[in-house]
Amino acid sequence: MPNAKMNCFVDTTLLVYAIDPGNPTKQQLAADLLRAIVRDGTLVLSAQSLNEFYRVATDRRSLLSREEARADVTRLARFCTAPYNFDVTQDAWRIQDEHGFSYWDCVLLASAALADCNVFFSEDLQHERRVHGLTIIDPFRAGVGNQRTI
């Protein structure tokens, strides 16, 4: 078995769950997952993820003040290594045509694929579906944490 790191892209929803006390179980699972992949040096985010997180945390859900959200985004910025350019747009179109996901999900998937990620953590997409070299994993499904090798 290869001993390579498995780069992991985390959907914006999981970033939000990690700070949302409204669902303590999901909050704990999301926070634990983020800590694990940060510790392992495999977390990959995109500018889109950070912007969506800020918008949801401050305006849509009012989970954080602007200052708190900006501090969180600043801390997460070092993991923002996925591309967000026209190549992403073109790949997003292909993913949308092939798989039928919403456009903004396709942009995140394209960013993750172009960043050479292996895993795309999301509860919003089909668990274990393969898309352009990525495996979508729903971290809230029973046993996922035990099966994951990062």
C-alpha atoms as a PDB file:
ATOM      1  CA  MET A   1       0.000   0.000   0.000  1.00  0.00           C
ATOM      2  CA  PRO A   2       1.432   3.414  -0.940  1.00  0.00           C
ATOM      3  CA  ASN A   3       2.467   5.678   1.891  1.00  0.00           C
ATOM      4  CA  ALA A   4       1.300   8.915   0.264  1.00  0.00           C
ATOM      5  CA  LYS A   5      -0.790  11.559   1.969  1.00  0.00           C
ATOM      6  CA  MET A   6      -4.421  11.665   0.941  1.00  0.00           C
ATOM      7  CA  ASN A   7      -5.252  15.340   0.456  1.00  0.00           C
ATOM      8  CA  CYS A   8      -8.725  16.130   1.752  1.00  0.00           C
ATOM      9  CA  PHE A   9     -11.022  18.891   0.583  1.00  0.00           C
ATOM     10  CA  VAL A  10     -13.704  19.924   3.066  1.00  0.00           C
ATOM     11  CA  ASP A  11     -17.058  21.254   1.887  1.00  0.00           C
ATOM     12  CA  THR A  12     -18.122  24.612   3.316  1.00  0.00           C
ATOM     13  CA  THR A  13     -20.981  23.005   5.238  1.00  0.00           C
ATOM     14  CA  LEU A  14     -18.506  21.099   7.398  1.00  0.00           C
ATOM     15  CA  LEU A  15     -16.636  24.302   8.250  1.00  0.00           C
ATOM     16  CA  VAL A  16     -19.941  25.783   9.390  1.00  0.00           C
ATOM     17  CA  TYR A  17     -20.933  22.704  11.411  1.00  0.00           C
ATOM     18  CA  ALA A  18     -17.622  22.926  13.271  1.00  0.00           C
ATOM     19  CA  ILE A  19     -18.734  26.248  14.815  1.00  0.00           C
ATOM     20  CA  ASP A  20     -22.498  25.662  15.009  1.00  0.00           C
ATOM     21  CA  PRO A  21     -23.790  24.733  18.478  1.00  0.00           C
ATOM     22  CA  GLY A  22     -27.248  24.072  16.994  1.00  0.00           C
ATOM     23  CA  ASN A  23     -26.324  20.450  16.303  1.00  0.00           C
ATOM     24  CA  PRO A  24     -23.781  19.379  18.947  1.00  0.00           C
ATOM     25  CA  THR A  25     -23.218  15.928  17.437  1.00  0.00           C
ATOM     26  CA  LYS A  26     -22.370  17.273  13.986  1.00  0.00           C
ATOM     27  CA  GLN A  27     -20.384  20.106  15.543  1.00  0.00           C
ATOM     28  CA  GLN A  28     -18.184  17.636  17.426  1.00  0.00           C
ATOM     29  CA  LEU A  29     -17.728  15.314  14.433  1.00  0.00           C
ATOM     30  CA  ALA A  30     -16.897  18.191  12.074  1.00  0.00           C
ATOM     31  CA  ALA A  31     -14.475  19.772  14.556  1.00  0.00           C
ATOM     32  CA  ASP A  32     -12.764  16.420  15.185  1.00  0.00           C
ATOM     33  CA  LEU A  33     -12.432  15.777  11.452  1.00  0.00           C
ATOM     34  CA  LEU A  34     -10.934  19.211  10.839  1.00  0.00           C
ATOM     35  CA  ARG A  35      -8.468  18.790  13.713  1.00  0.00           C
ATOM     36  CA  ALA A  36      -7.391  15.389  12.370  1.00  0.00           C
ATOM     37  CA  ILE A  37      -6.761  16.519   8.817  1.00  0.00           C
ATOM     38  CA  VAL A  38      -5.036  19.703   9.953  1.00  0.00           C
ATOM     39  CA  ARG A  39      -2.802  17.600  12.222  1.00  0.00           C
ATOM     40  CA  ASP A  40      -2.049  15.267   9.309  1.00  0.00           C
ATOM     41  CA  GLY A  41      -1.287  18.185   7.000  1.00  0.00           C
ATOM     42  CA  THR A  42      -3.858  17.123   4.417  1.00  0.00           C
ATOM     43  CA  LEU A  43      -6.508  19.874   4.587  1.00  0.00           C
ATOM     44  CA  VAL A  44      -7.192  21.701   1.321  1.00  0.00           C
ATOM     45  CA  LEU A  45      -9.644  24.580   0.951  1.00  0.00           C
ATOM     46  CA  SER A  46     -10.507  27.058  -1.770  1.00  0.00           C
ATOM     47  CA  ALA A  47     -11.224  30.772  -1.758  1.00  0.00           C
ATOM     48  CA  GLN A  48     -14.852  29.894  -2.499  1.00  0.00           C
ATOM     49  CA  SER A  49     -15.029  27.796   0.686  1.00  0.00           C
ATOM     50  CA  LEU A  50     -13.674  30.605   2.844  1.00  0.00           C
ATOM     51  CA  ASN A  51     -15.993  33.192   1.312  1.00  0.00           C
ATOM     52  CA  GLU A  52     -19.033  30.951   1.713  1.00  0.00           C
ATOM     53  CA  PHE A  53     -18.053  30.189   5.318  1.00  0.00           C
ATOM     54  CA  TYR A  54     -17.778  33.899   6.124  1.00  0.00           C
ATOM     55  CA  ARG A  55     -21.153  34.666   4.532  1.00  0.00           C
ATOM     56  CA  VAL A  56     -22.993  31.840   6.312  1.00  0.00           C
ATOM     57  CA  ALA A  57     -21.301  32.378   9.680  1.00  0.00           C
ATOM     58  CA  THR A  58     -21.982  36.113   9.765  1.00  0.00           C
ATOM     59  CA  ASP A  59     -25.093  36.836   7.730  1.00  0.00           C
ATOM     60  CA  ARG A  60     -27.153  33.763   6.993  1.00  0.00           C
ATOM     61  CA  ARG A  61     -26.813  31.986  10.352  1.00  0.00           C
ATOM     62  CA  SER A  62     -25.375  34.739  12.592  1.00  0.00           C
ATOM     63  CA  LEU A  63     -23.051  32.257  14.309  1.00  0.00           C
ATOM     64  CA  LEU A  64     -20.107  34.649  14.608  1.00  0.00           C
ATOM     65  CA  SER A  65     -19.472  38.347  14.660  1.00  0.00           C
ATOM     66  CA  ARG A  66     -17.684  39.722  11.618  1.00  0.00           C
ATOM     67  CA  GLU A  67     -14.485  40.031  13.637  1.00  0.00           C
ATOM     68  CA  GLU A  68     -14.684  36.414  14.848  1.00  0.00           C
ATOM     69  CA  ALA A  69     -15.459  35.126  11.352  1.00  0.00           C
ATOM     70  CA  ARG A  70     -12.624  37.162   9.851  1.00  0.00           C
ATOM     71  CA  ALA A  71     -10.241  35.717  12.432  1.00  0.00           C
ATOM     72  CA  ASP A  72     -11.392  32.179  11.578  1.00  0.00           C
ATOM     73  CA  VAL A  73     -11.041  32.817   7.838  1.00  0.00           C
ATOM     74  CA  THR A  74      -7.572  34.255   8.416  1.00  0.00           C
ATOM     75  CA  ARG A  75      -6.555  31.122  10.364  1.00  0.00           C
ATOM     76  CA  LEU A  76      -7.955  28.873   7.620  1.00  0.00           C
ATOM     77  CA  ALA A  77      -6.356  30.860   4.775  1.00  0.00           C
ATOM     78  CA  ARG A  78      -3.103  28.886   4.967  1.00  0.00           C
ATOM     79  CA  PHE A  79      -5.058  25.813   3.796  1.00  0.00           C
ATOM     80  CA  CYS A  80      -6.506  27.695   0.832  1.00  0.00           C
ATOM     81  CA  THR A  81      -4.299  25.970  -1.737  1.00  0.00           C
ATOM     82  CA  ALA A  82      -6.897  24.807  -4.266  1.00  0.00           C
ATOM     83  CA  PRO A  83      -6.997  26.774  -7.511  1.00  0.00           C
ATOM     84  CA  TYR A  84      -9.868  29.130  -8.298  1.00  0.00           C
ATOM     85  CA  ASN A  85      -9.368  30.166 -11.901  1.00  0.00           C
ATOM     86  CA  PHE A  86     -10.778  29.566 -15.380  1.00  0.00           C
ATOM     87  CA  ASP A  87      -9.459  25.988 -15.430  1.00  0.00           C
ATOM     88  CA  VAL A  88     -11.707  25.368 -12.425  1.00  0.00           C
ATOM     89  CA  THR A  89     -14.647  26.897 -14.287  1.00  0.00           C
ATOM     90  CA  GLN A  90     -14.114  24.652 -17.300  1.00  0.00           C
ATOM     91  CA  ASP A  91     -13.736  21.540 -15.147  1.00  0.00           C
ATOM     92  CA  ALA A  92     -16.846  22.558 -13.186  1.00  0.00           C
ATOM     93  CA  TRP A  93     -18.812  22.646 -16.451  1.00  0.00           C
ATOM     94  CA  ARG A  94     -17.598  19.131 -17.297  1.00  0.00           C
ATOM     95  CA  ILE A  95     -18.505  17.816 -13.846  1.00  0.00           C
ATOM     96  CA  GLN A  96     -21.920  19.471 -14.053  1.00  0.00           C
ATOM     97  CA  ASP A  97     -22.573  17.909 -17.473  1.00  0.00           C
ATOM     98  CA  GLU A  98     -21.348  14.457 -16.402  1.00  0.00           C
ATOM     99  CA  HIS A  99     -22.812  14.267 -12.886  1.00  0.00           C
ATOM    100  CA  GLY A 100     -25.640  16.807 -12.683  1.00  0.00           C
ATOM    101  CA  PHE A 101     -24.588  18.400  -9.393  1.00  0.00           C
ATOM    102  CA  SER A 102     -25.394  22.044  -8.675  1.00  0.00           C
ATOM    103  CA  TYR A 103     -22.972  24.436 -10.296  1.00  0.00           C
ATOM    104  CA  TRP A 104     -21.392  25.723  -7.059  1.00  0.00           C
ATOM    105  CA  ASP A 105     -20.806  22.154  -5.846  1.00  0.00           C
ATOM    106  CA  CYS A 106     -19.155  21.466  -9.208  1.00  0.00           C
ATOM    107  CA  VAL A 107     -16.832  24.438  -8.727  1.00  0.00           C
ATOM    108  CA  LEU A 108     -15.719  23.052  -5.363  1.00  0.00           C
ATOM    109  CA  LEU A 109     -15.278  19.566  -6.822  1.00  0.00           C
ATOM    110  CA  ALA A 110     -13.254  20.954  -9.723  1.00  0.00           C
ATOM    111  CA  SER A 111     -11.039  22.957  -7.347  1.00  0.00           C
ATOM    112  CA  ALA A 112     -10.463  19.855  -5.237  1.00  0.00           C
ATOM    113  CA  ALA A 113      -9.655  17.691  -8.267  1.00  0.00           C
ATOM    114  CA  LEU A 114      -7.207  20.245  -9.665  1.00  0.00           C
ATOM    115  CA  ALA A 115      -5.557  20.445  -6.226  1.00  0.00           C
ATOM    116  CA  ASP A 116      -4.883  16.692  -6.451  1.00  0.00           C
ATOM    117  CA  CYS A 117      -7.192  15.870  -3.566  1.00  0.00           C
ATOM    118  CA  ASN A 118      -8.220  12.263  -3.059  1.00  0.00           C
ATOM    119  CA  VAL A 119     -11.150  12.826  -0.711  1.00  0.00           C
ATOM    120  CA  PHE A 120     -13.985  15.348  -0.789  1.00  0.00           C
ATOM    121  CA  PHE A 121     -15.784  15.498   2.570  1.00  0.00           C
ATOM    122  CA  SER A 122     -19.422  16.554   2.200  1.00  0.00           C
ATOM    123  CA  GLU A 123     -22.776  15.517   3.584  1.00  0.00           C
ATOM    124  CA  ASP A 124     -24.539  17.085   0.610  1.00  0.00           C
ATOM    125  CA  LEU A 125     -23.274  14.783  -2.153  1.00  0.00           C
ATOM    126  CA  GLN A 126     -23.615  11.038  -2.694  1.00  0.00           C
ATOM    127  CA  HIS A 127     -21.453   9.095  -0.213  1.00  0.00           C
ATOM    128  CA  GLU A 128     -18.611   7.122  -1.860  1.00  0.00           C
ATOM    129  CA  ARG A 129     -19.349   8.480  -5.337  1.00  0.00           C
ATOM    130  CA  ARG A 130     -16.227   8.950  -7.473  1.00  0.00           C
ATOM    131  CA  VAL A 131     -15.855  12.213  -9.380  1.00  0.00           C
ATOM    132  CA  HIS A 132     -12.736  13.137 -11.369  1.00  0.00           C
ATOM    133  CA  GLY A 133     -10.369  11.200  -9.111  1.00  0.00           C
ATOM    134  CA  LEU A 134     -12.131  12.238  -5.889  1.00  0.00           C
ATOM    135  CA  THR A 135     -14.050  10.020  -3.517  1.00  0.00           C
ATOM    136  CA  ILE A 136     -16.928  11.822  -1.840  1.00  0.00           C
ATOM    137  CA  ILE A 137     -17.201  10.888   1.828  1.00  0.00           C
ATOM    138  CA  ASP A 138     -20.057  11.858   4.124  1.00  0.00           C
ATOM    139  CA  PRO A 139     -18.318  12.102   7.505  1.00  0.00           C
ATOM    140  CA  PHE A 140     -21.618  11.839   9.363  1.00  0.00           C
ATOM    141  CA  ARG A 141     -22.392   8.347   8.132  1.00  0.00           C
ATOM    142  CA  ALA A 142     -21.839   5.677  10.768  1.00  0.00           C
ATOM    143  CA  GLY A 143     -18.315   4.297  10.854  1.00  0.00           C
ATOM    144  CA  VAL A 144     -16.761   6.769   8.423  1.00  0.00           C
ATOM    145  CA  GLY A 145     -14.271   7.993  10.985  1.00  0.00           C
ATOM    146  CA  ASN A 146     -13.069   4.460  11.602  1.00  0.00           C
ATOM    147  CA  GLN A 147     -12.687   3.628   7.897  1.00  0.00           C
ATOM    148  CA  ARG A 148     -10.827   6.770   6.901  1.00  0.00           C
ATOM    149  CA  THR A 149      -7.096   6.599   6.303  1.00  0.00           C
ATOM    150  CA  ILE A 150      -5.444   9.980   6.065  1.00  0.00           C
END
